[in-house]
Amino acid sequence: MLDGQRFVWDSDKAARNLAWHGVRFEQAREVFLDQLARYEDASPDEEARQACIGLTSEYRLLYVVHVVREGDVLRLISARLAERAERRRYEND
């Protein structure tokens, strides 16, 4: 999915994400290179959010929530290790 995509994020949010989940947003971008990545709706309210479940180059299976903005910009919201149910969806879909 990376053709022409640009990634943006809030630096404070990225620091909190690293502290809470142990995942850097720089690494989280890699899931979008995974040809087997799974996408699903992750909208908690009216803002259209998507989640991508995919592998990084270090074979970490991550769950990355993002918003698609205009001009092929992806704003990363959060990134964490995939939970058991998310791992099953990735492996079985």
PDB file of N, CA and C in Angstrom:
ATOM      1  N   MET A   1       0.818  -1.207   0.000  1.00  0.00           N
ATOM      2  CA  MET A   1       0.000   0.000   0.000  1.00  0.00           C
ATOM      3  C   MET A   1       0.853   1.258   0.000  1.00  0.00           C
ATOM      4  N   LEU A   2       2.127   1.201  -0.068  1.00  0.00           N
ATOM      5  CA  LEU A   2       2.979   2.369   0.113  1.00  0.00           C
ATOM      6  C   LEU A   2       3.175   3.254  -1.106  1.00  0.00           C
ATOM      7  N   ASP A   3       2.633   2.904  -2.247  1.00  0.00           N
ATOM      8  CA  ASP A   3       2.868   3.685  -3.455  1.00  0.00           C
ATOM      9  C   ASP A   3       2.478   5.141  -3.250  1.00  0.00           C
ATOM     10  N   GLY A   4       3.464   6.001  -3.067  1.00  0.00           N
ATOM     11  CA  GLY A   4       3.223   7.426  -2.942  1.00  0.00           C
ATOM     12  C   GLY A   4       2.719   7.883  -1.588  1.00  0.00           C
ATOM     13  N   GLN A   5       2.603   6.993  -0.623  1.00  0.00           N
ATOM     14  CA  GLN A   5       2.108   7.380   0.690  1.00  0.00           C
ATOM     15  C   GLN A   5       3.163   8.168   1.457  1.00  0.00           C
ATOM     16  N   ARG A   6       2.654   9.097   2.240  1.00  0.00           N
ATOM     17  CA  ARG A   6       3.499   9.865   3.149  1.00  0.00           C
ATOM     18  C   ARG A   6       2.921   9.674   4.538  1.00  0.00           C
ATOM     19  N   PHE A   7       3.774   9.507   5.523  1.00  0.00           N
ATOM     20  CA  PHE A   7       3.335   9.260   6.888  1.00  0.00           C
ATOM     21  C   PHE A   7       3.593  10.485   7.751  1.00  0.00           C
ATOM     22  N   VAL A   8       2.614  10.816   8.581  1.00  0.00           N
ATOM     23  CA  VAL A   8       2.758  11.912   9.535  1.00  0.00           C
ATOM     24  C   VAL A   8       2.240  11.432  10.884  1.00  0.00           C
ATOM     25  N   TRP A   9       2.731  12.072  11.942  1.00  0.00           N
ATOM     26  CA  TRP A   9       2.237  11.777  13.285  1.00  0.00           C
ATOM     27  C   TRP A   9       2.650  12.894  14.220  1.00  0.00           C
ATOM     28  N   ASP A  10       1.979  12.938  15.338  1.00  0.00           N
ATOM     29  CA  ASP A  10       2.281  13.881  16.400  1.00  0.00           C
ATOM     30  C   ASP A  10       3.464  13.328  17.200  1.00  0.00           C
ATOM     31  N   SER A  11       4.504  14.120  17.381  1.00  0.00           N
ATOM     32  CA  SER A  11       5.707  13.621  18.055  1.00  0.00           C
ATOM     33  C   SER A  11       5.452  13.280  19.523  1.00  0.00           C
ATOM     34  N   ASP A  12       4.589  14.031  20.199  1.00  0.00           N
ATOM     35  CA  ASP A  12       4.250  13.699  21.591  1.00  0.00           C
ATOM     36  C   ASP A  12       3.499  12.377  21.655  1.00  0.00           C
ATOM     37  N   LYS A  13       2.575  12.181  20.731  1.00  0.00           N
ATOM     38  CA  LYS A  13       1.816  10.927  20.672  1.00  0.00           C
ATOM     39  C   LYS A  13       2.762   9.760  20.376  1.00  0.00           C
ATOM     40  N   ALA A  14       3.717   9.965  19.502  1.00  0.00           N
ATOM     41  CA  ALA A  14       4.678   8.909  19.171  1.00  0.00           C
ATOM     42  C   ALA A  14       5.501   8.516  20.396  1.00  0.00           C
ATOM     43  N   ALA A  15       5.898   9.501  21.190  1.00  0.00           N
ATOM     44  CA  ALA A  15       6.670   9.216  22.406  1.00  0.00           C
ATOM     45  C   ALA A  15       5.822   8.446  23.414  1.00  0.00           C
ATOM     46  N   ARG A  16       4.553   8.837  23.575  1.00  0.00           N
ATOM     47  CA  ARG A  16       3.652   8.106  24.485  1.00  0.00           C
ATOM     48  C   ARG A  16       3.417   6.687  23.988  1.00  0.00           C
ATOM     49  N   ASN A  17       3.264   6.531  22.689  1.00  0.00           N
ATOM     50  CA  ASN A  17       3.036   5.205  22.121  1.00  0.00           C
ATOM     51  C   ASN A  17       4.234   4.291  22.390  1.00  0.00           C
ATOM     52  N   LEU A  18       5.433   4.826  22.229  1.00  0.00           N
ATOM     53  CA  LEU A  18       6.637   4.042  22.499  1.00  0.00           C
ATOM     54  C   LEU A  18       6.693   3.640  23.975  1.00  0.00           C
ATOM     55  N   ALA A  19       6.369   4.568  24.867  1.00  0.00           N
ATOM     56  CA  ALA A  19       6.399   4.273  26.303  1.00  0.00           C
ATOM     57  C   ALA A  19       5.343   3.236  26.688  1.00  0.00           C
ATOM     58  N   TRP A  20       4.145   3.345  26.129  1.00  0.00           N
ATOM     59  CA  TRP A  20       3.035   2.454  26.497  1.00  0.00           C
ATOM     60  C   TRP A  20       3.116   1.098  25.814  1.00  0.00           C
ATOM     61  N   HIS A  21       3.465   1.105  24.523  1.00  0.00           N
ATOM     62  CA  HIS A  21       3.366  -0.117  23.720  1.00  0.00           C
ATOM     63  C   HIS A  21       4.706  -0.668  23.237  1.00  0.00           C
ATOM     64  N   GLY A  22       5.777   0.097  23.398  1.00  0.00           N
ATOM     65  CA  GLY A  22       7.084  -0.378  22.960  1.00  0.00           C
ATOM     66  C   GLY A  22       7.245  -0.442  21.453  1.00  0.00           C
ATOM     67  N   VAL A  23       6.470   0.374  20.741  1.00  0.00           N
ATOM     68  CA  VAL A  23       6.526   0.375  19.272  1.00  0.00           C
ATOM     69  C   VAL A  23       6.769   1.802  18.786  1.00  0.00           C
ATOM     70  N   ARG A  24       7.791   1.956  17.971  1.00  0.00           N
ATOM     71  CA  ARG A  24       8.081   3.252  17.347  1.00  0.00           C
ATOM     72  C   ARG A  24       7.226   3.401  16.085  1.00  0.00           C
ATOM     73  N   PHE A  25       6.738   4.604  15.847  1.00  0.00           N
ATOM     74  CA  PHE A  25       5.961   4.843  14.637  1.00  0.00           C
ATOM     75  C   PHE A  25       6.813   4.614  13.392  1.00  0.00           C
ATOM     76  N   GLU A  26       8.107   4.869  13.474  1.00  0.00           N
ATOM     77  CA  GLU A  26       8.981   4.604  12.326  1.00  0.00           C
ATOM     78  C   GLU A  26       8.927   3.123  11.949  1.00  0.00           C
ATOM     79  N   GLN A  27       8.887   2.253  12.950  1.00  0.00           N
ATOM     80  CA  GLN A  27       8.778   0.819  12.684  1.00  0.00           C
ATOM     81  C   GLN A  27       7.361   0.459  12.233  1.00  0.00           C
ATOM     82  N   ALA A  28       6.374   1.108  12.808  1.00  0.00           N
ATOM     83  CA  ALA A  28       4.979   0.805  12.473  1.00  0.00           C
ATOM     84  C   ALA A  28       4.689   1.019  10.988  1.00  0.00           C
ATOM     85  N   ARG A  29       5.385   1.938  10.351  1.00  0.00           N
ATOM     86  CA  ARG A  29       5.178   2.172   8.910  1.00  0.00           C
ATOM     87  C   ARG A  29       5.411   0.914   8.090  1.00  0.00           C
ATOM     88  N   GLU A  30       6.258   0.025   8.599  1.00  0.00           N
ATOM     89  CA  GLU A  30       6.633  -1.170   7.838  1.00  0.00           C
ATOM     90  C   GLU A  30       5.465  -2.116   7.583  1.00  0.00           C
ATOM     91  N   VAL A  31       4.423  -2.072   8.415  1.00  0.00           N
ATOM     92  CA  VAL A  31       3.306  -3.002   8.198  1.00  0.00           C
ATOM     93  C   VAL A  31       2.621  -2.742   6.859  1.00  0.00           C
ATOM     94  N   PHE A  32       2.736  -1.529   6.357  1.00  0.00           N
ATOM     95  CA  PHE A  32       2.095  -1.191   5.087  1.00  0.00           C
ATOM     96  C   PHE A  32       2.843  -1.784   3.892  1.00  0.00           C
ATOM     97  N   LEU A  33       4.033  -2.321   4.127  1.00  0.00           N
ATOM     98  CA  LEU A  33       4.789  -3.033   3.090  1.00  0.00           C
ATOM     99  C   LEU A  33       4.427  -4.512   3.022  1.00  0.00           C
ATOM    100  N   ASP A  34       3.773  -5.014   4.058  1.00  0.00           N
ATOM    101  CA  ASP A  34       3.412  -6.429   4.145  1.00  0.00           C
ATOM    102  C   ASP A  34       2.304  -6.732   3.136  1.00  0.00           C
ATOM    103  N   GLN A  35       2.600  -7.565   2.150  1.00  0.00           N
ATOM    104  CA  GLN A  35       1.609  -7.897   1.125  1.00  0.00           C
ATOM    105  C   GLN A  35       0.445  -8.710   1.679  1.00  0.00           C
ATOM    106  N   LEU A  36       0.608  -9.293   2.857  1.00  0.00           N
ATOM    107  CA  LEU A  36      -0.465 -10.065   3.484  1.00  0.00           C
ATOM    108  C   LEU A  36      -1.205  -9.266   4.550  1.00  0.00           C
ATOM    109  N   ALA A  37      -0.906  -7.982   4.666  1.00  0.00           N
ATOM    110  CA  ALA A  37      -1.535  -7.140   5.686  1.00  0.00           C
ATOM    111  C   ALA A  37      -3.052  -7.167   5.547  1.00  0.00           C
ATOM    112  N   ARG A  38      -3.711  -7.057   6.684  1.00  0.00           N
ATOM    113  CA  ARG A  38      -5.175  -7.035   6.752  1.00  0.00           C
ATOM    114  C   ARG A  38      -5.611  -5.651   7.216  1.00  0.00           C
ATOM    115  N   TYR A  39      -6.670  -5.150   6.597  1.00  0.00           N
ATOM    116  CA  TYR A  39      -7.209  -3.840   6.946  1.00  0.00           C
ATOM    117  C   TYR A  39      -8.615  -4.009   7.485  1.00  0.00           C
ATOM    118  N   GLU A  40      -8.947  -3.198   8.493  1.00  0.00           N
ATOM    119  CA  GLU A  40     -10.289  -3.246   9.060  1.00  0.00           C
ATOM    120  C   GLU A  40     -10.654  -1.878   9.610  1.00  0.00           C
ATOM    121  N   ASP A  41     -11.951  -1.690   9.784  1.00  0.00           N
ATOM    122  CA  ASP A  41     -12.455  -0.437  10.338  1.00  0.00           C
ATOM    123  C   ASP A  41     -12.067  -0.346  11.809  1.00  0.00           C
ATOM    124  N   ALA A  42     -11.602   0.811  12.229  1.00  0.00           N
ATOM    125  CA  ALA A  42     -11.240   1.035  13.632  1.00  0.00           C
ATOM    126  C   ALA A  42     -11.807   2.365  14.118  1.00  0.00           C
ATOM    127  N   SER A  43     -12.956   2.755  13.564  1.00  0.00           N
ATOM    128  CA  SER A  43     -13.556   4.049  13.874  1.00  0.00           C
ATOM    129  C   SER A  43     -14.309   4.008  15.198  1.00  0.00           C
ATOM    130  N   PRO A  44     -13.837   4.760  16.199  1.00  0.00           N
ATOM    131  CA  PRO A  44     -14.556   4.798  17.471  1.00  0.00           C
ATOM    132  C   PRO A  44     -15.732   5.767  17.443  1.00  0.00           C
ATOM    133  N   ASP A  45     -15.712   6.688  16.489  1.00  0.00           N
ATOM    134  CA  ASP A  45     -16.763   7.697  16.383  1.00  0.00           C
ATOM    135  C   ASP A  45     -16.900   8.085  14.917  1.00  0.00           C
ATOM    136  N   GLU A  46     -17.200   9.337  14.650  1.00  0.00           N
ATOM    137  CA  GLU A  46     -17.420   9.749  13.263  1.00  0.00           C
ATOM    138  C   GLU A  46     -16.138   9.891  12.446  1.00  0.00           C
ATOM    139  N   GLU A  47     -14.974   9.954  13.079  1.00  0.00           N
ATOM    140  CA  GLU A  47     -13.729  10.019  12.314  1.00  0.00           C
ATOM    141  C   GLU A  47     -13.416   8.641  11.734  1.00  0.00           C
ATOM    142  N   ALA A  48     -13.234   8.590  10.425  1.00  0.00           N
ATOM    143  CA  ALA A  48     -12.976   7.317   9.744  1.00  0.00           C
ATOM    144  C   ALA A  48     -11.536   6.878   9.988  1.00  0.00           C
ATOM    145  N   ARG A  49     -11.388   5.881  10.854  1.00  0.00           N
ATOM    146  CA  ARG A  49     -10.069   5.316  11.146  1.00  0.00           C
ATOM    147  C   ARG A  49      -9.998   3.901  10.611  1.00  0.00           C
ATOM    148  N   GLN A  50      -8.809   3.523  10.206  1.00  0.00           N
ATOM    149  CA  GLN A  50      -8.564   2.160   9.763  1.00  0.00           C
ATOM    150  C   GLN A  50      -7.458   1.563  10.616  1.00  0.00           C
ATOM    151  N   ALA A  51      -7.469   0.245  10.687  1.00  0.00           N
ATOM    152  CA  ALA A  51      -6.377  -0.472  11.339  1.00  0.00           C
ATOM    153  C   ALA A  51      -5.735  -1.375  10.303  1.00  0.00           C
ATOM    154  N   CYS A  52      -4.441  -1.488  10.388  1.00  0.00           N
ATOM    155  CA  CYS A  52      -3.681  -2.390   9.537  1.00  0.00           C
ATOM    156  C   CYS A  52      -2.986  -3.390  10.452  1.00  0.00           C
ATOM    157  N   ILE A  53      -3.178  -4.668  10.180  1.00  0.00           N
ATOM    158  CA  ILE A  53      -2.497  -5.727  10.912  1.00  0.00           C
ATOM    159  C   ILE A  53      -1.457  -6.299   9.965  1.00  0.00           C
ATOM    160  N   GLY A  54      -0.186  -6.181  10.333  1.00  0.00           N
ATOM    161  CA  GLY A  54       0.854  -6.657   9.437  1.00  0.00           C
ATOM    162  C   GLY A  54       2.183  -6.844  10.138  1.00  0.00           C
ATOM    163  N   LEU A  55       3.096  -7.473   9.408  1.00  0.00           N
ATOM    164  CA  LEU A  55       4.427  -7.776   9.932  1.00  0.00           C
ATOM    165  C   LEU A  55       5.425  -6.675   9.601  1.00  0.00           C
ATOM    166  N   THR A  56       6.355  -6.465  10.529  1.00  0.00           N
ATOM    167  CA  THR A  56       7.476  -5.562  10.284  1.00  0.00           C
ATOM    168  C   THR A  56       8.649  -6.379   9.744  1.00  0.00           C
ATOM    169  N   SER A  57       9.728  -5.712   9.426  1.00  0.00           N
ATOM    170  CA  SER A  57      10.921  -6.412   8.942  1.00  0.00           C
ATOM    171  C   SER A  57      11.544  -7.290  10.027  1.00  0.00           C
ATOM    172  N   GLU A  58      11.201  -7.028  11.285  1.00  0.00           N
ATOM    173  CA  GLU A  58      11.686  -7.848  12.406  1.00  0.00           C
ATOM    174  C   GLU A  58      10.668  -8.921  12.799  1.00  0.00           C
ATOM    175  N   TYR A  59       9.673  -9.133  11.943  1.00  0.00           N
ATOM    176  CA  TYR A  59       8.629 -10.149  12.146  1.00  0.00           C
ATOM    177  C   TYR A  59       7.807  -9.909  13.408  1.00  0.00           C
ATOM    178  N   ARG A  60       7.596  -8.653  13.728  1.00  0.00           N
ATOM    179  CA  ARG A  60       6.675  -8.287  14.803  1.00  0.00           C
ATOM    180  C   ARG A  60       5.322  -8.039  14.153  1.00  0.00           C
ATOM    181  N   LEU A  61       4.294  -8.706  14.635  1.00  0.00           N
ATOM    182  CA  LEU A  61       2.952  -8.502  14.100  1.00  0.00           C
ATOM    183  C   LEU A  61       2.316  -7.348  14.865  1.00  0.00           C
ATOM    184  N   LEU A  62       2.054  -6.252  14.147  1.00  0.00           N
ATOM    185  CA  LEU A  62       1.536  -5.041  14.774  1.00  0.00           C
ATOM    186  C   LEU A  62       0.113  -4.737  14.336  1.00  0.00           C
ATOM    187  N   TYR A  63      -0.583  -4.016  15.201  1.00  0.00           N
ATOM    188  CA  TYR A  63      -1.912  -3.478  14.930  1.00  0.00           C
ATOM    189  C   TYR A  63      -1.732  -1.964  14.913  1.00  0.00           C
ATOM    190  N   VAL A  64      -1.867  -1.357  13.739  1.00  0.00           N
ATOM    191  CA  VAL A  64      -1.577   0.065  13.557  1.00  0.00           C
ATOM    192  C   VAL A  64      -2.853   0.796  13.146  1.00  0.00           C
ATOM    193  N   VAL A  65      -3.278   1.730  13.989  1.00  0.00           N
ATOM    194  CA  VAL A  65      -4.461   2.540  13.696  1.00  0.00           C
ATOM    195  C   VAL A  65      -3.998   3.816  13.003  1.00  0.00           C
ATOM    196  N   HIS A  66      -4.702   4.167  11.933  1.00  0.00           N
ATOM    197  CA  HIS A  66      -4.320   5.336  11.153  1.00  0.00           C
ATOM    198  C   HIS A  66      -5.544   5.983  10.523  1.00  0.00           C
ATOM    199  N   VAL A  67      -5.347   7.201  10.049  1.00  0.00           N
ATOM    200  CA  VAL A  67      -6.367   7.954   9.328  1.00  0.00           C
ATOM    201  C   VAL A  67      -5.786   8.295   7.967  1.00  0.00           C
ATOM    202  N   VAL A  68      -6.579   8.094   6.931  1.00  0.00           N
ATOM    203  CA  VAL A  68      -6.156   8.460   5.580  1.00  0.00           C
ATOM    204  C   VAL A  68      -6.564   9.909   5.347  1.00  0.00           C
ATOM    205  N   ARG A  69      -5.586  10.740   5.061  1.00  0.00           N
ATOM    206  CA  ARG A  69      -5.817  12.163   4.789  1.00  0.00           C
ATOM    207  C   ARG A  69      -5.702  12.415   3.289  1.00  0.00           C
ATOM    208  N   GLU A  70      -6.026  13.624   2.902  1.00  0.00           N
ATOM    209  CA  GLU A  70      -5.917  13.995   1.489  1.00  0.00           C
ATOM    210  C   GLU A  70      -4.468  13.931   1.024  1.00  0.00           C
ATOM    211  N   GLY A  71      -4.308  13.667  -0.248  1.00  0.00           N
ATOM    212  CA  GLY A  71      -2.979  13.663  -0.844  1.00  0.00           C
ATOM    213  C   GLY A  71      -2.138  12.465  -0.461  1.00  0.00           C
ATOM    214  N   ASP A  72      -2.780  11.312  -0.255  1.00  0.00           N
ATOM    215  CA  ASP A  72      -2.057  10.075   0.083  1.00  0.00           C
ATOM    216  C   ASP A  72      -1.222  10.200   1.352  1.00  0.00           C
ATOM    217  N   VAL A  73      -1.758  10.908   2.332  1.00  0.00           N
ATOM    218  CA  VAL A  73      -1.092  11.068   3.623  1.00  0.00           C
ATOM    219  C   VAL A  73      -1.763  10.141   4.628  1.00  0.00           C
ATOM    220  N   LEU A  74      -0.961   9.351   5.335  1.00  0.00           N
ATOM    221  CA  LEU A  74      -1.466   8.494   6.403  1.00  0.00           C
ATOM    222  C   LEU A  74      -0.998   9.068   7.731  1.00  0.00           C
ATOM    223  N   ARG A  75      -1.954   9.395   8.593  1.00  0.00           N
ATOM    224  CA  ARG A  75      -1.620   9.895   9.931  1.00  0.00           C
ATOM    225  C   ARG A  75      -1.702   8.729  10.900  1.00  0.00           C
ATOM    226  N   LEU A  76      -0.573   8.375  11.502  1.00  0.00           N
ATOM    227  CA  LEU A  76      -0.541   7.272  12.452  1.00  0.00           C
ATOM    228  C   LEU A  76      -1.096   7.735  13.788  1.00  0.00           C
ATOM    229  N   ILE A  77      -2.010   6.933  14.342  1.00  0.00           N
ATOM    230  CA  ILE A  77      -2.669   7.246  15.607  1.00  0.00           C
ATOM    231  C   ILE A  77      -2.064   6.421  16.741  1.00  0.00           C
ATOM    232  N   SER A  78      -1.927   5.112  16.524  1.00  0.00           N
ATOM    233  CA  SER A  78      -1.344   4.229  17.538  1.00  0.00           C
ATOM    234  C   SER A  78      -0.794   2.977  16.869  1.00  0.00           C
ATOM    235  N   ALA A  79       0.120   2.331  17.575  1.00  0.00           N
ATOM    236  CA  ALA A  79       0.716   1.087  17.080  1.00  0.00           C
ATOM    237  C   ALA A  79       1.093   0.240  18.288  1.00  0.00           C
ATOM    238  N   ARG A  80       0.721  -1.030  18.215  1.00  0.00           N
ATOM    239  CA  ARG A  80       1.008  -1.951  19.316  1.00  0.00           C
ATOM    240  C   ARG A  80       1.136  -3.352  18.759  1.00  0.00           C
ATOM    241  N   LEU A  81       1.620  -4.270  19.597  1.00  0.00           N
ATOM    242  CA  LEU A  81       1.644  -5.671  19.192  1.00  0.00           C
ATOM    243  C   LEU A  81       0.213  -6.155  19.006  1.00  0.00           C
ATOM    244  N   ALA A  82       0.004  -6.972  17.997  1.00  0.00           N
ATOM    245  CA  ALA A  82      -1.329  -7.522  17.746  1.00  0.00           C
ATOM    246  C   ALA A  82      -1.726  -8.459  18.884  1.00  0.00           C
ATOM    247  N   GLU A  83      -2.995  -8.395  19.250  1.00  0.00           N
ATOM    248  CA  GLU A  83      -3.533  -9.299  20.266  1.00  0.00           C
ATOM    249  C   GLU A  83      -3.896 -10.627  19.614  1.00  0.00           C
ATOM    250  N   ARG A  84      -4.238 -11.608  20.422  1.00  0.00           N
ATOM    251  CA  ARG A  84      -4.495 -12.967  19.933  1.00  0.00           C
ATOM    252  C   ARG A  84      -5.560 -13.000  18.822  1.00  0.00           C
ATOM    253  N   ALA A  85      -6.684 -12.327  19.022  1.00  0.00           N
ATOM    254  CA  ALA A  85      -7.754 -12.334  18.016  1.00  0.00           C
ATOM    255  C   ALA A  85      -7.291 -11.676  16.715  1.00  0.00           C
ATOM    256  N   GLU A  86      -6.516 -10.612  16.825  1.00  0.00           N
ATOM    257  CA  GLU A  86      -5.995  -9.928  15.639  1.00  0.00           C
ATOM    258  C   GLU A  86      -4.992 -10.814  14.912  1.00  0.00           C
ATOM    259  N   ARG A  87      -4.178 -11.529  15.669  1.00  0.00           N
ATOM    260  CA  ARG A  87      -3.228 -12.477  15.070  1.00  0.00           C
ATOM    261  C   ARG A  87      -3.980 -13.556  14.293  1.00  0.00           C
ATOM    262  N   ARG A  88      -5.071 -14.060  14.867  1.00  0.00           N
ATOM    263  CA  ARG A  88      -5.869 -15.086  14.172  1.00  0.00           C
ATOM    264  C   ARG A  88      -6.456 -14.542  12.877  1.00  0.00           C
ATOM    265  N   ARG A  89      -6.969 -13.311  12.918  1.00  0.00           N
ATOM    266  CA  ARG A  89      -7.525 -12.720  11.692  1.00  0.00           C
ATOM    267  C   ARG A  89      -6.437 -12.592  10.631  1.00  0.00           C
ATOM    268  N   TYR A  90      -5.253 -12.192  11.039  1.00  0.00           N
ATOM    269  CA  TYR A  90      -4.141 -12.055  10.092  1.00  0.00           C
ATOM    270  C   TYR A  90      -3.779 -13.408   9.492  1.00  0.00           C
ATOM    271  N   GLU A  91      -3.702 -14.426  10.330  1.00  0.00           N
ATOM    272  CA  GLU A  91      -3.259 -15.743   9.875  1.00  0.00           C
ATOM    273  C   GLU A  91      -4.326 -16.500   9.098  1.00  0.00           C
ATOM    274  N   ASN A  92      -5.600 -16.233   9.365  1.00  0.00           N
ATOM    275  CA  ASN A  92      -6.677 -17.032   8.774  1.00  0.00           C
ATOM    276  C   ASN A  92      -7.402 -16.365   7.620  1.00  0.00           C
ATOM    277  N   ASP A  93      -7.230 -15.083   7.429  1.00  0.00           N
ATOM    278  CA  ASP A  93      -7.946 -14.404   6.331  1.00  0.00           C
ATOM    279  C   ASP A  93      -7.233 -14.586   5.015  1.00  0.00           C
TER     280      ASP A  93
END
